C-alpha atoms as a PDB file:
ATOM      1  CA  UNK A   1       0.000   0.000   0.000  1.00  0.00           C
ATOM      2  CA  UNK A   2       1.338   3.416  -0.899  1.00  0.00           C
ATOM      3  CA  UNK A   3       1.399   5.711   2.088  1.00  0.00           C
ATOM      4  CA  UNK A   4      -0.513   8.326   0.076  1.00  0.00           C
ATOM      5  CA  UNK A   5      -3.513   6.014  -0.547  1.00  0.00           C
ATOM      6  CA  UNK A   6      -5.824   6.012   2.454  1.00  0.00           C
ATOM      7  CA  UNK A   7      -7.904   2.847   2.940  1.00  0.00           C
ATOM      8  CA  UNK A   8     -10.505   2.410   5.663  1.00  0.00           C
ATOM      9  CA  UNK A   9     -12.216  -0.911   6.384  1.00  0.00           C
ATOM     10  CA  UNK A  10     -15.845  -1.191   5.252  1.00  0.00           C
ATOM     11  CA  UNK A  11     -16.282  -4.956   5.851  1.00  0.00           C
ATOM     12  CA  UNK A  12     -13.788  -7.027   7.838  1.00  0.00           C
ATOM     13  CA  UNK A  13     -12.375 -10.337   6.648  1.00  0.00           C
ATOM     14  CA  UNK A  14     -14.685 -12.121   9.117  1.00  0.00           C
ATOM     15  CA  UNK A  15     -17.781 -10.263   7.885  1.00  0.00           C
ATOM     16  CA  UNK A  16     -16.970 -11.070   4.256  1.00  0.00           C
ATOM     17  CA  UNK A  17     -16.294 -14.735   5.004  1.00  0.00           C
ATOM     18  CA  UNK A  18     -19.525 -15.094   6.978  1.00  0.00           C
ATOM     19  CA  UNK A  19     -21.604 -13.521   4.238  1.00  0.00           C
ATOM     20  CA  UNK A  20     -20.037 -15.731   1.540  1.00  0.00           C
ATOM     21  CA  UNK A  21     -20.895 -18.787   3.662  1.00  0.00           C
ATOM     22  CA  UNK A  22     -24.537 -17.630   3.803  1.00  0.00           C
ATOM     23  CA  UNK A  23     -24.639 -17.083   0.025  1.00  0.00           C
ATOM     24  CA  UNK A  24     -23.176 -20.560  -0.600  1.00  0.00           C
ATOM     25  CA  UNK A  25     -25.770 -22.148   1.676  1.00  0.00           C
ATOM     26  CA  UNK A  26     -28.622 -20.303  -0.080  1.00  0.00           C
ATOM     27  CA  UNK A  27     -27.383 -21.326  -3.532  1.00  0.00           C
ATOM     28  CA  UNK A  28     -27.087 -24.931  -2.288  1.00  0.00           C
ATOM     29  CA  UNK A  29     -30.729 -24.874  -1.157  1.00  0.00           C
ATOM     30  CA  UNK A  30     -32.024 -23.074  -4.263  1.00  0.00           C
ATOM     31  CA  UNK A  31     -30.341 -25.527  -6.652  1.00  0.00           C
ATOM     32  CA  UNK A  32     -30.763 -28.695  -4.537  1.00  0.00           C
ATOM     33  CA  UNK A  33     -30.349 -31.812  -6.667  1.00  0.00           C
ATOM     34  CA  UNK A  34     -28.838 -29.875  -9.582  1.00  0.00           C
ATOM     35  CA  UNK A  35     -25.395 -28.911 -10.772  1.00  0.00           C
ATOM     36  CA  UNK A  36     -24.346 -25.291 -11.163  1.00  0.00           C
ATOM     37  CA  UNK A  37     -21.844 -23.613 -13.419  1.00  0.00           C
ATOM     38  CA  UNK A  38     -20.212 -20.606 -11.793  1.00  0.00           C
ATOM     39  CA  UNK A  39     -19.039 -18.102 -14.395  1.00  0.00           C
ATOM     40  CA  UNK A  40     -16.414 -16.013 -12.646  1.00  0.00           C
ATOM     41  CA  UNK A  41     -15.928 -12.554 -14.111  1.00  0.00           C
ATOM     42  CA  UNK A  42     -12.178 -11.936 -14.026  1.00  0.00           C
ATOM     43  CA  UNK A  43     -10.153 -10.464 -12.535  1.00  0.00           C
ATOM     44  CA  UNK A  44     -12.108  -8.979  -9.656  1.00  0.00           C
ATOM     45  CA  UNK A  45     -14.437 -11.874  -8.834  1.00  0.00           C
ATOM     46  CA  UNK A  46     -11.702 -14.544  -8.639  1.00  0.00           C
ATOM     47  CA  UNK A  47     -11.257 -14.320  -4.859  1.00  0.00           C
ATOM     48  CA  UNK A  48     -15.023 -14.281  -4.252  1.00  0.00           C
ATOM     49  CA  UNK A  49     -15.828 -17.074  -6.750  1.00  0.00           C
ATOM     50  CA  UNK A  50     -13.265 -19.470  -5.238  1.00  0.00           C
ATOM     51  CA  UNK A  51     -14.504 -18.862  -1.696  1.00  0.00           C
ATOM     52  CA  UNK A  52     -18.134 -19.155  -2.813  1.00  0.00           C
ATOM     53  CA  UNK A  53     -17.528 -22.431  -4.688  1.00  0.00           C
ATOM     54  CA  UNK A  54     -16.054 -23.998  -1.533  1.00  0.00           C
ATOM     55  CA  UNK A  55     -19.269 -23.193   0.344  1.00  0.00           C
ATOM     56  CA  UNK A  56     -21.796 -24.604  -2.150  1.00  0.00           C
ATOM     57  CA  UNK A  57     -22.863 -28.135  -1.224  1.00  0.00           C
ATOM     58  CA  UNK A  58     -23.554 -29.211  -4.829  1.00  0.00           C
ATOM     59  CA  UNK A  59     -21.494 -30.305  -7.809  1.00  0.00           C
ATOM     60  CA  UNK A  60     -19.950 -27.050  -9.072  1.00  0.00           C
ATOM     61  CA  UNK A  61     -18.213 -26.371 -12.353  1.00  0.00           C
ATOM     62  CA  UNK A  62     -16.303 -23.152 -12.893  1.00  0.00           C
ATOM     63  CA  UNK A  63     -15.706 -21.125 -16.015  1.00  0.00           C
ATOM     64  CA  UNK A  64     -14.029 -17.766 -16.429  1.00  0.00           C
ATOM     65  CA  UNK A  65     -14.801 -14.693 -18.494  1.00  0.00           C
ATOM     66  CA  UNK A  66     -12.875 -11.499 -18.605  1.00  0.00           C
ATOM     67  CA  UNK A  67     -14.640  -8.264 -19.429  1.00  0.00           C
ATOM     68  CA  UNK A  68     -13.573  -4.691 -19.066  1.00  0.00           C
ATOM     69  CA  UNK A  69     -15.290  -1.343 -18.769  1.00  0.00           C
ATOM     70  CA  UNK A  70     -12.884   0.441 -16.423  1.00  0.00           C
ATOM     71  CA  UNK A  71      -9.288   0.364 -17.631  1.00  0.00           C
ATOM     72  CA  UNK A  72      -7.204   2.114 -14.951  1.00  0.00           C
ATOM     73  CA  UNK A  73      -9.907   4.582 -13.971  1.00  0.00           C
ATOM     74  CA  UNK A  74     -12.320   4.750 -11.052  1.00  0.00           C
ATOM     75  CA  UNK A  75     -15.262   5.457 -13.392  1.00  0.00           C
ATOM     76  CA  UNK A  76     -16.737   2.968 -15.873  1.00  0.00           C
ATOM     77  CA  UNK A  77     -16.063   3.916 -19.488  1.00  0.00           C
ATOM     78  CA  UNK A  78     -19.456   2.518 -20.511  1.00  0.00           C
ATOM     79  CA  UNK A  79     -17.886   0.337 -23.217  1.00  0.00           C
ATOM     80  CA  UNK A  80     -17.895  -3.395 -22.410  1.00  0.00           C
ATOM     81  CA  UNK A  81     -15.185  -5.533 -23.996  1.00  0.00           C
ATOM     82  CA  UNK A  82     -15.048  -9.353 -23.783  1.00  0.00           C
ATOM     83  CA  UNK A  83     -11.352 -10.106 -23.360  1.00  0.00           C
ATOM     84  CA  UNK A  84     -11.727 -13.836 -22.534  1.00  0.00           C
ATOM     85  CA  UNK A  85     -14.800 -15.912 -23.337  1.00  0.00           C
ATOM     86  CA  UNK A  86     -15.992 -19.251 -21.927  1.00  0.00           C
ATOM     87  CA  UNK A  87     -14.178 -22.464 -22.865  1.00  0.00           C
ATOM     88  CA  UNK A  88     -17.332 -24.628 -23.026  1.00  0.00           C
ATOM     89  CA  UNK A  89     -20.936 -24.385 -24.211  1.00  0.00           C
ATOM     90  CA  UNK A  90     -23.516 -23.556 -21.504  1.00  0.00           C
ATOM     91  CA  UNK A  91     -26.630 -24.966 -23.232  1.00  0.00           C
ATOM     92  CA  UNK A  92     -28.915 -26.569 -20.640  1.00  0.00           C
ATOM     93  CA  UNK A  93     -26.766 -25.551 -17.658  1.00  0.00           C
ATOM     94  CA  UNK A  94     -27.711 -23.624 -14.515  1.00  0.00           C
ATOM     95  CA  UNK A  95     -25.385 -20.652 -14.847  1.00  0.00           C
ATOM     96  CA  UNK A  96     -24.566 -18.332 -11.970  1.00  0.00           C
ATOM     97  CA  UNK A  97     -22.542 -15.304 -13.034  1.00  0.00           C
ATOM     98  CA  UNK A  98     -20.231 -14.396 -10.150  1.00  0.00           C
ATOM     99  CA  UNK A  99     -19.160 -10.756 -10.026  1.00  0.00           C
ATOM    100  CA  UNK A 100     -17.254  -8.718  -7.463  1.00  0.00           C
ATOM    101  CA  UNK A 101     -19.430  -5.598  -7.724  1.00  0.00           C
ATOM    102  CA  UNK A 102     -22.444  -4.295  -9.622  1.00  0.00           C
ATOM    103  CA  UNK A 103     -21.939  -0.599 -10.221  1.00  0.00           C
ATOM    104  CA  UNK A 104     -23.587   0.939 -13.305  1.00  0.00           C
ATOM    105  CA  UNK A 105     -24.807  -2.511 -14.378  1.00  0.00           C
ATOM    106  CA  UNK A 106     -23.568  -2.053 -17.947  1.00  0.00           C
ATOM    107  CA  UNK A 107     -21.088  -4.941 -17.865  1.00  0.00           C
ATOM    108  CA  UNK A 108     -23.477  -7.391 -16.237  1.00  0.00           C
ATOM    109  CA  UNK A 109     -26.427  -6.298 -18.367  1.00  0.00           C
ATOM    110  CA  UNK A 110     -24.348  -7.024 -21.441  1.00  0.00           C
ATOM    111  CA  UNK A 111     -23.067 -10.318 -20.037  1.00  0.00           C
ATOM    112  CA  UNK A 112     -26.511 -11.607 -18.994  1.00  0.00           C
ATOM    113  CA  UNK A 113     -27.886 -10.957 -22.503  1.00  0.00           C
ATOM    114  CA  UNK A 114     -24.848 -12.579 -24.124  1.00  0.00           C
ATOM    115  CA  UNK A 115     -25.118 -15.735 -22.009  1.00  0.00           C
ATOM    116  CA  UNK A 116     -28.930 -16.031 -22.297  1.00  0.00           C
ATOM    117  CA  UNK A 117     -28.511 -16.249 -26.078  1.00  0.00           C
ATOM    118  CA  UNK A 118     -26.456 -19.417 -25.515  1.00  0.00           C
ATOM    119  CA  UNK A 119     -29.536 -21.325 -24.268  1.00  0.00           C
ATOM    120  CA  UNK A 120     -28.681 -22.187 -20.642  1.00  0.00           C
ATOM    121  CA  UNK A 121     -31.298 -23.769 -18.365  1.00  0.00           C
ATOM    122  CA  UNK A 122     -31.102 -20.664 -16.160  1.00  0.00           C
ATOM    123  CA  UNK A 123     -28.976 -17.569 -15.565  1.00  0.00           C
ATOM    124  CA  UNK A 124     -28.630 -15.954 -12.137  1.00  0.00           C
ATOM    125  CA  UNK A 125     -26.352 -13.241 -10.788  1.00  0.00           C
ATOM    126  CA  UNK A 126     -24.328 -13.431  -7.610  1.00  0.00           C
ATOM    127  CA  UNK A 127     -22.383 -10.362  -6.563  1.00  0.00           C
ATOM    128  CA  UNK A 128     -20.285  -9.681  -3.515  1.00  0.00           C
ATOM    129  CA  UNK A 129     -21.142  -5.962  -3.574  1.00  0.00           C
ATOM    130  CA  UNK A 130     -24.013  -3.965  -5.035  1.00  0.00           C
ATOM    131  CA  UNK A 131     -24.013  -0.181  -5.540  1.00  0.00           C
ATOM    132  CA  UNK A 132     -27.651   0.427  -6.566  1.00  0.00           C
ATOM    133  CA  UNK A 133     -27.480   4.227  -6.582  1.00  0.00           C
ATOM    134  CA  UNK A 134     -24.981   4.095  -9.491  1.00  0.00           C
ATOM    135  CA  UNK A 135     -27.168   1.873 -11.696  1.00  0.00           C
ATOM    136  CA  UNK A 136     -27.799   2.997 -15.267  1.00  0.00           C
ATOM    137  CA  UNK A 137     -28.825  -0.453 -16.599  1.00  0.00           C
ATOM    138  CA  UNK A 138     -31.625  -2.437 -14.956  1.00  0.00           C
ATOM    139  CA  UNK A 139     -29.697  -5.364 -13.461  1.00  0.00           C
ATOM    140  CA  UNK A 140     -30.707  -7.218 -10.302  1.00  0.00           C
ATOM    141  CA  UNK A 141     -28.730  -9.933  -8.560  1.00  0.00           C
ATOM    142  CA  UNK A 142     -30.462 -12.980  -7.130  1.00  0.00           C
ATOM    143  CA  UNK A 143     -27.625 -13.255  -4.600  1.00  0.00           C
ATOM    144  CA  UNK A 144     -26.007 -10.179  -3.047  1.00  0.00           C
ATOM    145  CA  UNK A 145     -23.328 -10.099  -0.386  1.00  0.00           C
ATOM    146  CA  UNK A 146     -23.553  -6.468   0.688  1.00  0.00           C
ATOM    147  CA  UNK A 147     -25.294  -3.358  -0.591  1.00  0.00           C
ATOM    148  CA  UNK A 148     -22.928  -0.397  -0.376  1.00  0.00           C
ATOM    149  CA  UNK A 149     -23.055   3.377  -0.880  1.00  0.00           C
ATOM    150  CA  UNK A 150     -21.301   5.107  -3.768  1.00  0.00           C
ATOM    151  CA  UNK A 151     -17.706   4.735  -2.540  1.00  0.00           C
ATOM    152  CA  UNK A 152     -14.701   3.393  -4.441  1.00  0.00           C
ATOM    153  CA  UNK A 153     -13.790   0.123  -2.745  1.00  0.00           C
ATOM    154  CA  UNK A 154     -10.812  -2.225  -2.885  1.00  0.00           C
ATOM    155  CA  UNK A 155      -9.813  -5.575  -1.447  1.00  0.00           C
ATOM    156  CA  UNK A 156     -11.074  -9.121  -1.781  1.00  0.00           C
ATOM    157  CA  UNK A 157     -10.459  -8.981  -5.520  1.00  0.00           C
ATOM    158  CA  UNK A 158     -11.499  -5.367  -6.095  1.00  0.00           C
ATOM    159  CA  UNK A 159      -8.684  -3.159  -7.329  1.00  0.00           C
ATOM    160  CA  UNK A 160      -7.573   0.372  -7.925  1.00  0.00           C
ATOM    161  CA  UNK A 161      -5.299   0.432 -11.011  1.00  0.00           C
ATOM    162  CA  UNK A 162      -4.624  -3.316 -10.489  1.00  0.00           C
ATOM    163  CA  UNK A 163      -3.516  -2.834  -6.872  1.00  0.00           C
ATOM    164  CA  UNK A 164      -5.042  -3.864  -3.526  1.00  0.00           C
ATOM    165  CA  UNK A 165      -6.922  -6.966  -4.806  1.00  0.00           C
ATOM    166  CA  UNK A 166      -5.108  -9.046  -2.188  1.00  0.00           C
ATOM    167  CA  UNK A 167      -6.438  -7.166   0.853  1.00  0.00           C
ATOM    168  CA  UNK A 168      -8.385  -9.675   2.993  1.00  0.00           C
ATOM    169  CA  UNK A 169     -11.125  -7.108   3.733  1.00  0.00           C
ATOM    170  CA  UNK A 170     -13.198  -4.648   1.717  1.00  0.00           C
ATOM    171  CA  UNK A 171     -12.075  -1.075   2.209  1.00  0.00           C
ATOM    172  CA  UNK A 172     -12.850   2.392   0.953  1.00  0.00           C
ATOM    173  CA  UNK A 173      -9.906   3.960  -0.843  1.00  0.00           C
ATOM    174  CA  UNK A 174      -9.177   7.661  -1.094  1.00  0.00           C
ATOM    175  CA  UNK A 175      -6.417   7.850  -3.726  1.00  0.00           C
ATOM    176  CA  UNK A 176      -4.015  10.767  -3.362  1.00  0.00           C
END
């Protein structure tokens, strides 16, 4: 951490872990007797998706997509780019898109439409963080870790210019 960047804790490591456990249990109940395919949106959701997968009591497959709408900025550019697509077809599968944060909703709105066209059995969204006051696209998650105010957050996979993903908590950053 640079000394000039100030980070204050929003959710502790224990709070995040407890909430992920609850989400995993709910997904396990909602999809009882079925398999799920977690589609982790890289890079930010990697930490969350791995922890979530460990807490789902069902057969879980994982796939990875990489999209971008931020670059090195703190504001979404509004342009969604697919940098890495899925390795396998999702036809007939119960897909849960796992994201670190829903902000404007542009990226996830685009992703949901893209994946629905591939004929899955179902598509649901699971996000660690939700910032509803920033929404410009109507996107709702079936599974939400925490609803947060309009602050720029880092940690647990969330970054600022590719830094701070490895923090074990979620914090508010005030870049200098």
